[in-house]
Protein backbone atom coordinates (compact mmCIF):
# COMPACT_ATOMS: atom_id res chain seq x y z
CA MET A 1 30.79 66.17 -33.81
CA SER A 2 30.08 62.47 -32.69
CA ARG A 3 26.63 60.70 -32.18
CA THR A 4 27.80 60.71 -28.62
CA HIS A 5 28.18 64.48 -28.22
CA ARG A 6 25.10 65.09 -30.41
CA PHE A 7 23.21 62.72 -27.91
CA LEU A 8 24.76 64.37 -24.76
CA GLY A 9 24.15 68.07 -25.94
CA GLY A 10 20.32 67.05 -26.76
CA LEU A 11 20.02 65.15 -23.46
CA SER A 12 21.28 67.87 -21.04
CA LEU A 13 18.91 70.44 -22.44
CA GLY A 14 15.94 67.93 -22.38
CA TYR A 15 16.52 67.56 -18.83
CA LEU A 16 16.70 71.17 -18.14
CA TYR A 17 13.56 72.03 -19.93
CA LEU A 18 11.60 68.69 -18.14
CA GLY A 19 12.99 70.19 -14.88
CA LEU A 20 11.69 73.84 -15.40
CA VAL A 21 8.43 72.31 -16.64
CA THR A 22 8.07 70.08 -13.27
CA ILE A 23 8.72 73.29 -11.25
CA VAL A 24 6.61 75.63 -13.34
CA GLY A 25 3.68 73.18 -13.72
CA LEU A 26 3.50 72.61 -9.78
CA TRP A 27 2.91 76.13 -9.50
CA LEU A 28 0.93 76.92 -12.44
CA THR A 29 -1.78 74.35 -11.63
CA PRO A 30 -3.08 76.28 -8.32
CA PHE A 31 -2.52 79.60 -10.18
CA LEU A 32 -4.75 78.64 -13.16
CA LEU A 33 -7.36 77.36 -10.84
CA SER A 34 -7.25 80.28 -8.83
CA ARG A 35 -7.57 82.78 -11.72
CA ILE A 36 -9.85 81.29 -14.15
CA GLY A 37 -11.81 78.69 -12.15
CA THR A 38 -12.22 75.03 -11.97
CA HIS A 39 -15.14 75.05 -14.89
CA ASP A 40 -12.65 76.70 -17.41
CA TYR A 41 -9.75 74.82 -16.31
CA GLY A 42 -11.41 71.56 -16.95
CA LEU A 43 -12.49 72.92 -20.61
CA TRP A 44 -8.84 73.42 -21.06
CA LEU A 45 -7.94 70.03 -20.17
CA VAL A 46 -10.60 68.95 -22.43
CA THR A 47 -9.09 70.88 -25.39
CA THR A 48 -5.66 69.35 -25.00
CA GLN A 49 -7.18 65.86 -24.94
CA ILE A 50 -8.75 66.93 -28.30
CA LEU A 51 -5.25 68.17 -29.59
CA GLY A 52 -3.99 64.92 -28.78
CA TYR A 53 -6.17 62.95 -31.00
CA LEU A 54 -5.74 65.68 -33.49
CA GLN A 55 -2.01 64.72 -33.68
CA LEU A 56 -2.97 61.25 -34.94
CA LEU A 57 -4.36 62.74 -38.35
CA ASP A 58 -0.86 62.62 -39.95
CA LEU A 59 -1.06 58.58 -39.61
CA GLY A 60 2.29 58.36 -38.01
CA VAL A 61 4.11 60.18 -41.36
CA VAL A 62 5.77 62.87 -39.17
CA ALA A 63 7.01 60.35 -36.57
CA LEU A 64 8.33 58.44 -39.19
CA ALA A 65 10.53 61.04 -40.92
CA PRO A 66 13.08 61.28 -38.22
CA ARG A 67 14.27 57.48 -38.53
CA GLU A 68 14.27 57.61 -42.44
CA VAL A 69 16.04 60.81 -42.36
CA ALA A 70 18.65 59.21 -40.08
CA TYR A 71 18.94 56.20 -42.26
CA ALA A 72 19.47 58.61 -45.32
CA THR A 73 22.39 60.11 -43.23
CA GLY A 74 23.74 56.62 -42.35
CA ARG A 75 23.82 55.55 -46.12
CA ALA A 76 25.40 58.81 -47.22
CA LEU A 77 28.25 58.37 -44.43
CA GLN A 78 28.70 54.81 -45.56
CA GLY A 79 28.60 55.62 -49.04
CA THR A 80 26.06 53.06 -49.82
CA GLU A 81 23.11 53.28 -52.37
CA GLY A 82 19.55 54.57 -51.48
CA ALA A 83 17.61 57.90 -51.38
CA SER A 84 19.57 60.93 -50.26
CA VAL A 85 18.77 63.20 -47.34
CA ALA A 86 17.26 66.03 -49.71
CA GLU A 87 14.79 63.12 -51.74
CA THR A 88 13.96 61.63 -48.35
CA VAL A 89 12.86 65.06 -47.19
CA ALA A 90 11.06 66.01 -50.55
CA ARG A 91 8.98 62.63 -50.23
CA PHE A 92 7.95 63.27 -46.78
CA ARG A 93 6.81 66.91 -47.46
CA ARG A 94 4.89 66.01 -50.47
CA VAL A 95 2.96 63.16 -48.66
CA VAL A 96 2.38 65.57 -45.61
CA ALA A 97 0.88 68.20 -47.91
CA TRP A 98 -1.46 65.55 -49.17
CA GLN A 99 -2.87 65.06 -45.65
CA VAL A 100 -3.55 68.80 -44.98
CA PRO A 101 -7.00 69.11 -46.89
CA ALA A 102 -8.59 66.07 -44.87
CA THR A 103 -6.96 67.29 -41.49
CA ALA A 104 -8.62 70.62 -41.97
CA ILE A 105 -11.77 68.90 -42.80
CA VAL A 106 -11.70 66.82 -39.60
CA ALA A 107 -10.38 69.68 -37.39
CA ALA A 108 -13.49 71.81 -38.53
CA ILE A 109 -15.71 69.22 -37.47
CA CYS A 110 -14.11 68.80 -34.25
CA TRP A 111 -14.55 72.59 -33.67
CA TRP A 112 -18.13 72.32 -34.43
CA ALA A 113 -18.89 69.59 -32.14
CA VAL A 114 -17.00 70.77 -29.36
CA ALA A 115 -18.45 74.44 -29.70
CA SER A 116 -21.91 73.50 -29.74
CA ARG A 117 -21.46 71.44 -26.56
CA TRP A 118 -19.31 74.20 -24.83
CA PRO A 119 -19.85 77.70 -26.22
CA GLU A 120 -17.08 79.14 -24.14
CA LEU A 121 -14.73 77.45 -26.22
CA ARG A 122 -15.90 78.60 -29.57
CA ALA A 123 -13.34 81.63 -30.01
CA PRO A 124 -10.42 80.01 -28.23
CA LEU A 125 -10.80 76.51 -29.86
CA ALA A 126 -11.29 78.32 -33.33
CA VAL A 127 -7.87 80.19 -32.79
CA ILE A 128 -5.96 76.84 -32.00
CA VAL A 129 -7.75 74.58 -34.76
CA VAL A 130 -6.62 77.23 -37.52
CA ALA A 131 -3.11 77.47 -35.90
CA PHE A 132 -3.01 73.49 -35.96
CA VAL A 133 -3.84 73.33 -39.69
CA ALA A 134 -1.19 75.89 -40.39
CA ALA A 135 1.23 74.35 -38.66
CA PHE A 136 0.56 70.81 -39.67
CA PRO A 137 3.13 70.52 -42.51
CA LEU A 138 5.70 72.81 -40.62
CA ARG A 139 6.21 69.94 -37.86
CA LEU A 140 8.35 68.18 -40.88
CA PHE A 141 10.98 70.95 -39.73
CA ASN A 142 11.42 69.68 -36.32
CA ALA A 143 11.33 66.01 -37.53
CA THR A 144 13.85 66.48 -40.29
CA LEU A 145 16.21 68.00 -37.52
CA GLN A 146 15.70 64.98 -35.36
CA GLY A 147 16.65 62.67 -37.76
CA LEU A 148 19.75 64.88 -38.65
CA GLN A 149 20.56 64.71 -34.90
CA ASP A 150 20.64 68.45 -34.28
CA LEU A 151 19.63 67.54 -31.03
CA ALA A 152 21.27 70.40 -28.90
CA PHE A 153 19.56 73.07 -31.35
CA LEU A 154 16.16 71.13 -30.87
CA GLY A 155 16.50 71.23 -27.02
CA ARG A 156 17.07 74.76 -26.93
CA VAL A 157 14.24 75.32 -29.27
CA GLN A 158 11.68 73.10 -27.05
CA LEU A 159 12.99 75.47 -23.95
CA TRP A 160 12.53 78.54 -25.52
CA SER A 161 9.08 77.81 -27.28
CA TRP A 162 7.72 76.58 -24.18
CA LEU A 163 9.02 79.50 -21.92
CA CYS A 164 7.37 82.13 -24.57
CA GLY A 165 4.01 80.33 -24.57
CA THR A 166 4.15 79.85 -20.79
CA THR A 167 4.93 83.66 -20.36
CA VAL A 168 2.40 84.61 -22.67
CA THR A 169 -0.29 82.38 -21.29
CA ILE A 170 0.55 83.86 -17.56
CA VAL A 171 0.67 87.60 -18.50
CA LEU A 172 -2.88 87.21 -20.22
CA VAL A 173 -4.11 85.39 -17.27
CA LEU A 174 -3.06 88.08 -15.19
CA ARG A 175 -4.71 90.67 -17.85
CA GLY A 176 -8.07 88.52 -17.39
CA ALA A 177 -8.16 87.01 -20.74
CA GLY A 178 -9.33 83.48 -19.38
CA LEU A 179 -9.25 80.55 -21.58
CA GLY A 180 -7.88 83.03 -24.47
CA ALA A 181 -4.70 83.04 -22.58
CA LEU A 182 -4.35 79.33 -22.90
CA ALA A 183 -5.05 79.21 -26.27
CA ALA A 184 -2.73 82.06 -27.07
CA GLY A 185 0.02 80.41 -25.19
CA TRP A 186 -0.35 77.26 -27.15
CA VAL A 187 -0.39 79.04 -30.35
CA VAL A 188 2.86 81.06 -29.52
CA THR A 189 4.71 77.80 -28.31
CA GLN A 190 3.87 76.01 -31.78
CA ALA A 191 4.84 79.20 -33.69
CA VAL A 192 8.16 79.85 -32.12
CA SER A 193 9.02 75.97 -32.79
CA ALA A 194 7.91 75.79 -36.33
CA VAL A 195 9.63 79.03 -37.36
CA SER A 196 13.25 78.30 -35.25
CA CYS A 197 13.33 74.94 -36.98
CA GLY A 198 12.40 76.31 -40.19
CA ILE A 199 15.15 78.99 -40.26
CA ARG A 200 17.62 76.33 -38.69
CA LEU A 201 17.16 74.05 -41.68
CA ARG A 202 17.53 76.99 -44.05
CA ARG A 203 20.92 78.23 -42.72
CA HIS A 204 22.59 75.01 -41.63
CA PHE A 205 20.99 72.32 -43.86
CA ALA A 206 20.62 73.84 -47.16
CA SER A 207 20.22 70.49 -49.14
CA ALA A 208 17.41 69.34 -46.88
CA TRP A 209 15.77 73.06 -47.04
CA ASN A 210 16.10 73.14 -50.82
CA ALA A 211 14.95 69.83 -51.66
CA PRO A 212 12.94 69.86 -54.73
CA ARG A 213 9.30 69.22 -55.06
CA ALA A 214 8.82 65.45 -55.56
CA SER A 215 6.41 63.77 -57.79
CA VAL A 216 5.86 60.62 -55.44
CA PRO A 217 4.23 57.93 -57.20
CA TRP A 218 1.02 56.23 -55.66
CA ARG A 219 2.99 52.95 -55.07
CA ASP A 220 5.79 54.85 -53.10
CA ALA A 221 3.44 56.67 -51.09
CA ARG A 222 1.28 53.82 -50.41
CA GLN A 223 4.60 52.04 -49.18
CA LEU A 224 5.42 55.08 -46.96
CA MET A 225 1.88 55.23 -45.71
CA GLY A 226 1.63 51.55 -44.99
CA ARG A 227 4.71 51.81 -42.54
CA SER A 228 3.61 54.98 -41.17
CA VAL A 229 -0.34 53.80 -40.33
CA TRP A 230 1.56 51.25 -37.79
CA ILE A 231 3.19 54.13 -36.06
CA SER A 232 -0.39 55.58 -36.11
CA LEU A 233 -1.91 52.81 -34.49
CA SER A 234 1.24 52.26 -31.79
CA GLN A 235 0.55 56.25 -30.93
CA LEU A 236 -3.27 55.23 -30.44
CA GLY A 237 -2.42 52.50 -28.20
CA GLN A 238 -0.52 54.95 -26.03
CA VAL A 239 -3.61 56.88 -25.99
CA LEU A 240 -5.47 54.34 -24.70
CA LEU A 241 -2.94 53.31 -22.30
CA ALA A 242 -2.54 56.86 -20.78
CA GLY A 243 -6.10 57.78 -21.13
CA SER A 244 -8.03 54.59 -19.51
CA ASP A 245 -7.01 54.85 -15.84
CA LEU A 246 -8.82 58.11 -14.44
CA LEU A 247 -11.71 57.39 -16.93
CA ILE A 248 -12.55 54.05 -15.05
CA ILE A 249 -11.43 54.85 -11.75
CA GLY A 250 -14.04 57.94 -12.41
CA ALA A 251 -16.57 55.57 -13.93
CA VAL A 252 -16.58 52.89 -11.12
CA PHE A 253 -15.92 54.89 -7.80
CA GLY A 254 -16.60 58.62 -8.51
CA PRO A 255 -14.83 61.62 -9.87
CA ALA A 256 -13.91 62.41 -6.23
CA ALA A 257 -11.67 58.79 -6.39
CA ALA A 258 -9.67 60.24 -9.32
CA VAL A 259 -8.16 63.10 -7.07
CA PRO A 260 -6.08 60.90 -4.51
CA TYR A 261 -5.09 58.78 -7.19
CA ALA A 262 -3.90 61.51 -9.55
CA CYS A 263 -2.14 63.03 -6.64
CA THR A 264 -0.50 60.05 -5.19
CA GLY A 265 0.98 59.42 -8.86
CA LYS A 266 1.96 62.81 -9.43
CA LEU A 267 5.69 62.23 -8.98
CA VAL A 268 5.95 59.47 -10.89
CA THR A 269 3.90 60.93 -13.67
CA VAL A 270 6.34 64.05 -13.87
CA LEU A 271 9.48 62.49 -13.19
CA ALA A 272 9.06 59.38 -15.31
CA ASN A 273 9.65 61.55 -18.26
CA HIS A 274 13.35 61.67 -17.27
CA PRO A 275 14.37 58.30 -17.99
CA GLN A 276 12.47 58.20 -20.98
CA LEU A 277 14.14 61.16 -22.53
CA LEU A 278 17.19 59.06 -22.85
CA MET A 279 15.56 56.85 -25.24
CA GLN A 280 13.85 59.45 -27.44
CA THR A 281 17.01 61.28 -27.77
CA ALA A 282 18.81 58.23 -28.73
CA ALA A 283 16.44 57.00 -31.16
CA PRO A 284 17.73 58.50 -34.52
CA ALA A 285 21.58 57.36 -33.49
CA LEU A 286 20.17 53.95 -33.40
CA ALA A 287 18.43 54.32 -36.83
CA GLU A 288 21.65 55.74 -38.09
CA MET A 289 23.87 53.01 -36.47
CA ARG A 290 21.77 50.13 -38.26
CA THR A 291 22.89 51.19 -41.66
CA GLY A 292 26.96 50.89 -41.02
CA ALA A 293 27.57 49.73 -37.56
CA SER A 294 28.67 46.21 -36.60
CA ARG A 295 25.75 44.13 -35.00
CA SER A 296 28.34 43.80 -31.67
CA ARG A 297 28.49 47.76 -31.84
CA VAL A 298 24.54 47.79 -31.95
CA THR A 299 24.25 45.58 -29.22
CA GLU A 300 26.72 47.43 -26.89
CA VAL A 301 24.92 50.50 -27.45
CA ALA A 302 21.36 48.91 -27.12
CA LEU A 303 22.51 47.23 -23.59
CA ALA A 304 24.14 50.57 -22.46
CA LEU A 305 20.83 52.55 -23.06
CA MET A 306 18.81 49.84 -21.18
CA ARG A 307 21.48 50.11 -18.22
CA ALA A 308 21.20 54.00 -18.31
CA MET A 309 17.66 54.01 -18.63
CA LEU A 310 16.96 51.92 -15.42
CA VAL A 311 19.64 53.54 -13.38
CA VAL A 312 17.76 56.79 -13.98
CA SER A 313 14.37 55.27 -13.31
CA GLY A 314 15.90 53.35 -10.05
CA GLY A 315 17.07 56.72 -8.88
CA VAL A 316 13.28 58.00 -9.27
CA ALA A 317 11.71 55.09 -7.75
CA ALA A 318 13.92 55.34 -4.69
CA PHE A 319 13.20 58.77 -4.47
CA VAL A 320 9.47 58.53 -4.68
CA LEU A 321 9.56 55.59 -2.22
CA ALA A 322 11.15 57.67 0.40
CA VAL A 323 9.64 61.20 0.23
CA ASN A 324 5.98 60.76 -1.59
CA ALA A 325 4.00 60.61 1.42
CA ALA A 326 5.35 63.65 2.57
CA PHE A 327 5.23 65.49 -0.64
CA VAL A 328 1.64 64.84 -1.38
CA SER A 329 0.56 65.90 2.26
CA TRP A 330 2.75 69.06 1.77
CA TRP A 331 1.49 69.92 -1.68
CA VAL A 332 -2.46 69.14 -1.55
CA GLY A 333 -3.08 67.82 2.26
CA PRO A 334 -2.84 64.40 3.42
CA ALA A 335 -6.34 63.64 2.67
CA GLN A 336 -5.37 63.37 -1.26
CA TYR A 337 -2.81 60.61 -0.18
CA GLY A 338 -3.69 57.19 -1.46
CA GLY A 339 -1.32 55.28 0.43
CA PHE A 340 2.02 53.35 0.63
CA LEU A 341 0.61 50.51 -1.53
CA LEU A 342 -0.56 52.71 -3.92
CA THR A 343 2.91 54.54 -4.31
CA VAL A 344 4.61 51.05 -4.45
CA LEU A 345 2.14 50.05 -7.51
CA PHE A 346 2.81 53.13 -9.14
CA VAL A 347 6.78 52.88 -8.72
CA VAL A 348 6.83 49.09 -9.72
CA THR A 349 4.68 49.72 -12.72
CA MET A 350 6.80 52.61 -13.92
CA LEU A 351 10.14 50.57 -13.63
CA VAL A 352 8.73 47.73 -15.81
CA ARG A 353 7.06 50.40 -18.22
CA HIS A 354 10.60 51.87 -18.61
CA LEU A 355 12.26 48.44 -19.09
CA GLY A 356 9.45 48.12 -22.01
CA THR A 357 10.26 51.32 -23.46
CA THR A 358 14.17 50.78 -23.74
CA LEU A 359 12.90 47.52 -25.66
CA THR A 360 10.52 49.31 -27.55
CA TYR A 361 12.70 52.08 -28.83
CA ALA A 362 15.57 49.46 -29.41
CA LEU A 363 13.22 47.47 -32.00
CA PHE A 364 11.70 50.80 -33.24
CA ALA A 365 15.25 51.60 -34.62
CA PHE A 366 15.45 48.40 -36.50
CA GLY A 367 11.89 49.12 -38.26
CA HIS A 368 9.30 46.74 -36.57
CA GLU A 369 6.49 49.21 -36.78
CA ARG A 370 3.99 46.43 -37.36
CA ARG A 371 5.19 44.57 -34.29
CA LEU A 372 5.25 47.48 -32.08
CA SER A 373 1.98 48.77 -33.14
CA LEU A 374 0.07 45.60 -32.40
CA THR A 375 1.98 45.41 -29.24
CA ALA A 376 0.95 49.14 -28.11
CA ILE A 377 -2.69 48.18 -29.07
CA VAL A 378 -2.88 44.97 -27.16
CA ASP A 379 -0.93 46.39 -24.37
CA GLY A 380 -3.63 49.38 -24.37
CA ALA A 381 -6.24 47.13 -24.50
CA VAL A 382 -5.37 44.75 -21.79
CA THR A 383 -4.43 47.45 -19.43
CA ALA A 384 -7.85 48.98 -19.91
CA LEU A 385 -9.81 45.72 -19.51
CA ALA A 386 -7.51 44.37 -16.53
CA THR A 387 -8.21 47.80 -14.94
CA ALA A 388 -12.01 47.69 -15.69
CA VAL A 389 -12.03 44.04 -14.40
CA LEU A 390 -10.01 44.44 -11.42
CA ALA A 391 -12.22 47.54 -10.42
CA PHE A 392 -15.70 46.10 -10.89
CA THR A 393 -14.91 42.53 -9.19
CA THR A 394 -12.32 43.33 -6.39
CA ASP A 395 -12.04 45.33 -3.54
CA LEU A 396 -8.63 46.99 -4.60
CA GLY A 397 -9.99 50.30 -5.21
CA ILE A 398 -7.97 52.74 -7.08
CA ALA A 399 -4.97 50.44 -6.73
CA SER A 400 -6.66 48.55 -9.80
CA ALA A 401 -5.41 51.15 -12.15
CA PRO A 402 -1.72 50.64 -11.78
CA LEU A 403 -2.39 46.71 -11.41
CA GLY A 404 -4.16 46.81 -14.85
CA SER A 405 -0.98 48.59 -16.43
CA LEU A 406 1.43 46.14 -14.90
CA ALA A 407 -0.76 43.50 -16.33
CA GLY A 408 -0.51 44.70 -19.80
CA VAL A 409 3.23 45.43 -19.70
CA VAL A 410 3.99 42.07 -18.32
CA LEU A 411 1.68 40.01 -20.11
CA VAL A 412 2.14 41.97 -23.62
CA ASN A 413 4.77 44.33 -24.04
CA ILE A 414 7.75 43.02 -22.41
CA PRO A 415 7.68 39.32 -24.21
CA ALA A 416 6.42 40.89 -27.47
CA THR A 417 9.46 43.41 -27.50
CA SER A 418 12.48 41.45 -25.64
CA LEU A 419 11.69 38.56 -28.20
CA GLY A 420 12.00 40.79 -31.31
CA LEU A 421 15.26 42.65 -30.07
CA SER A 422 16.83 39.43 -29.17
CA ARG A 423 16.76 38.26 -32.72
CA GLU A 424 17.78 41.57 -33.86
CA LEU A 425 20.98 41.46 -31.69
CA SER A 426 21.55 37.71 -31.79
CA ILE A 427 21.33 37.21 -28.31
CA SER A 428 18.94 35.19 -26.14
CA PRO A 429 16.37 36.77 -24.10
CA LEU A 430 18.11 35.18 -20.94
CA ALA A 431 21.23 37.18 -22.00
CA LEU A 432 19.36 40.48 -22.51
CA PHE A 433 17.80 40.37 -18.99
CA ALA A 434 20.86 39.00 -17.23
CA SER A 435 22.72 42.00 -18.00
CA LEU A 436 20.50 43.86 -15.57
CA SER A 437 20.69 41.73 -12.73
CA GLY A 438 23.32 43.84 -11.11
CA TRP A 439 21.26 46.78 -11.31
CA ALA A 440 18.28 45.26 -9.57
CA ILE A 441 19.97 43.84 -6.48
CA ARG A 442 21.40 47.52 -6.05
CA PHE A 443 18.08 48.79 -6.65
CA VAL A 444 16.25 46.61 -4.11
CA ALA A 445 18.77 47.46 -1.37
CA VAL A 446 18.40 51.32 -1.64
CA ALA A 447 14.76 51.01 -2.11
CA VAL A 448 14.42 49.28 1.01
CA ALA A 449 16.69 51.58 2.97
CA ALA A 450 14.65 54.73 1.61
CA VAL A 451 11.69 53.22 2.78
CA ILE A 452 12.86 52.34 6.35
CA ALA A 453 14.59 55.71 6.34
CA SER A 454 11.27 57.87 5.70
CA ARG A 455 9.19 55.49 8.07
CA THR A 456 11.99 56.27 10.85
CA LEU A 457 12.78 59.58 10.39
CA ASP A 458 9.31 60.62 9.09
CA PRO A 459 10.19 63.95 7.25
CA HIS A 460 7.96 66.86 7.40
CA GLY A 461 7.39 70.37 5.30
CA LEU A 462 9.86 71.53 2.50
CA THR A 463 12.72 71.39 4.81
CA GLY A 464 12.12 67.51 5.51
CA LEU A 465 11.67 66.77 1.87
CA ALA A 466 14.94 68.56 0.90
CA TRP A 467 17.14 66.67 3.54
CA MET A 468 15.18 63.27 3.00
CA SER A 469 15.84 63.79 -0.94
CA ALA A 470 19.49 64.53 -0.61
CA LEU A 471 20.03 61.60 1.84
CA VAL A 472 18.23 59.41 -0.74
CA CYS A 473 20.02 60.54 -3.83
CA ALA A 474 23.42 60.52 -2.42
CA ALA A 475 23.07 57.04 -0.82
CA TYR A 476 21.91 55.66 -4.45
CA VAL A 477 24.59 57.46 -6.25
CA VAL A 478 27.12 55.83 -3.86
CA VAL A 479 25.79 52.36 -4.52
CA MET A 480 24.68 52.51 -8.13
CA LEU A 481 27.74 54.42 -9.60
CA PRO A 482 30.19 51.58 -9.61
CA LEU A 483 28.00 49.75 -11.78
CA ALA A 484 27.26 52.80 -14.22
CA LEU A 485 31.00 53.21 -14.64
CA LYS A 486 31.17 49.40 -15.87
CA PRO A 487 30.74 48.44 -19.56
CA PRO A 488 28.65 48.65 -21.45
CA LEU A 489 27.75 51.87 -20.12
CA GLY A 490 30.72 53.35 -18.54
CA PRO A 491 32.71 54.59 -21.61
CA TYR A 492 29.70 56.75 -22.35
CA LEU A 493 29.29 58.07 -18.99
CA ARG A 494 32.81 58.95 -18.73
CA ALA A 495 32.18 60.62 -22.00
CA ALA A 496 29.45 62.84 -20.74
CA VAL A 497 31.42 63.88 -17.46
CA ALA A 498 34.73 64.41 -19.22
CA PRO A 499 34.10 68.37 -20.22
CA LEU A 500 32.78 68.80 -16.41
CA VAL A 501 36.06 67.34 -15.16
CA ALA A 502 37.87 69.50 -17.44
CA LEU A 503 36.16 72.40 -16.55
CA VAL A 504 36.54 71.73 -12.51
CA THR A 505 40.42 70.82 -12.96
CA ARG A 506 41.50 73.46 -15.27
CA PRO A 507 41.46 76.52 -12.94
CA ALA A 508 43.24 74.25 -10.48
CA ALA A 509 46.00 73.40 -12.70
CA THR A 510 46.31 76.89 -13.97
CA ALA A 511 46.65 78.13 -10.56
CA SER A 512 49.26 75.55 -9.92
CA SER A 513 51.53 76.30 -13.03
CA GLY A 514 51.34 80.27 -11.98
CA ARG A 515 49.84 81.41 -15.29
CA PRO A 516 46.93 84.11 -15.06
């Protein structure tokens, strides 16, 4: 199976997963609030934040594993020297095992601190912490399969583990289990994923599963940890970037101001994951190509992915501009809509962030952990600082948050990543961004038309949302498809739709030939 087909298989299932999560998530939030109450649901949100910080305890080792496994795969295919896939997996397995005792100690301290503050979390958090520590080394199964680019399987596992965990949560909530239901759902999700990935490795990638125990010299371990620490710092920067807006808004304007901010940005927050999935799925293939493909080939793929992500991101942006006011009014009421200016700022920030994401993932495939980590930390710090300064010193109100994020990506992220990637691809930054001019002109035209249509037609209710969405999406496809079919994206897009075209045309061909 080619890299393109592996990529498309994982991507299609990833989009199915995101679509289901979006639909169920919109229903699940009011369901949980009505069944377990605002207080307990708020405690669960605190718990998920704690888990996010606990994930950083591996110091980026598991996050580094897919790329290193992909490197080893590429070397094997090219017949060049270097550690094999089995040796790479064995080395990572040993280093992750070293981290388990420290992880258990830190997790226990977190449980004690949180349980002493909120006794209601004592039992459910204890279950989660024990499961987290037990599954900590098992996350390497998933990371190894990512590096081996078994993406279609990983997409299925992600979907089924989420379905199992969500089903357990809903059933137990209906039976009155409260916070215990949420904890049980989380544990089931992690267990299904870890067990499924382990079985897959054992049956289909026996050499990686049976990798002998490795005695990793301290020098090699220190080198590995040195590279992975930069990834961990990058992840910390992402936590700072994603977790500062609501905190600052709540501190400056009061908790009530955070509600219209979150509701107005809901569509952007949810739908922004779809374009990002392109780069997340393609990252292992980029890493593998580095070991054997020509520089011109890597450049072509990087530019194709950049255009693909912005084409999808532009569709999301045009959709949000057209329907956001009507959606928020239908979902939670017009009082929770933060206004058109806030919507525009959310959309612009998302587009620029997605451009930065394409540059970041492409640069990560070339091994620039230090540059990317420093960029992420500085980006997060500038975003938080700019948001706080604007909130305290101006009359912008809750619009300070997206403006602060925009400042971080424009002043820090884009310059740092574009310069590094330009050097790797041997092209100028101007040429890198010039490839986006056709997309930008088409997007602006559709976005302006979408805003005018929403203001003129003024859709209301679910029916209005449906036909306005169809109108905007159809217009965007008509305008953007000719660009998408041109190189460098066109060949990959044709490869993606070829199976669908064959499926549609086969019955017609069979009927015309007279065969049953």
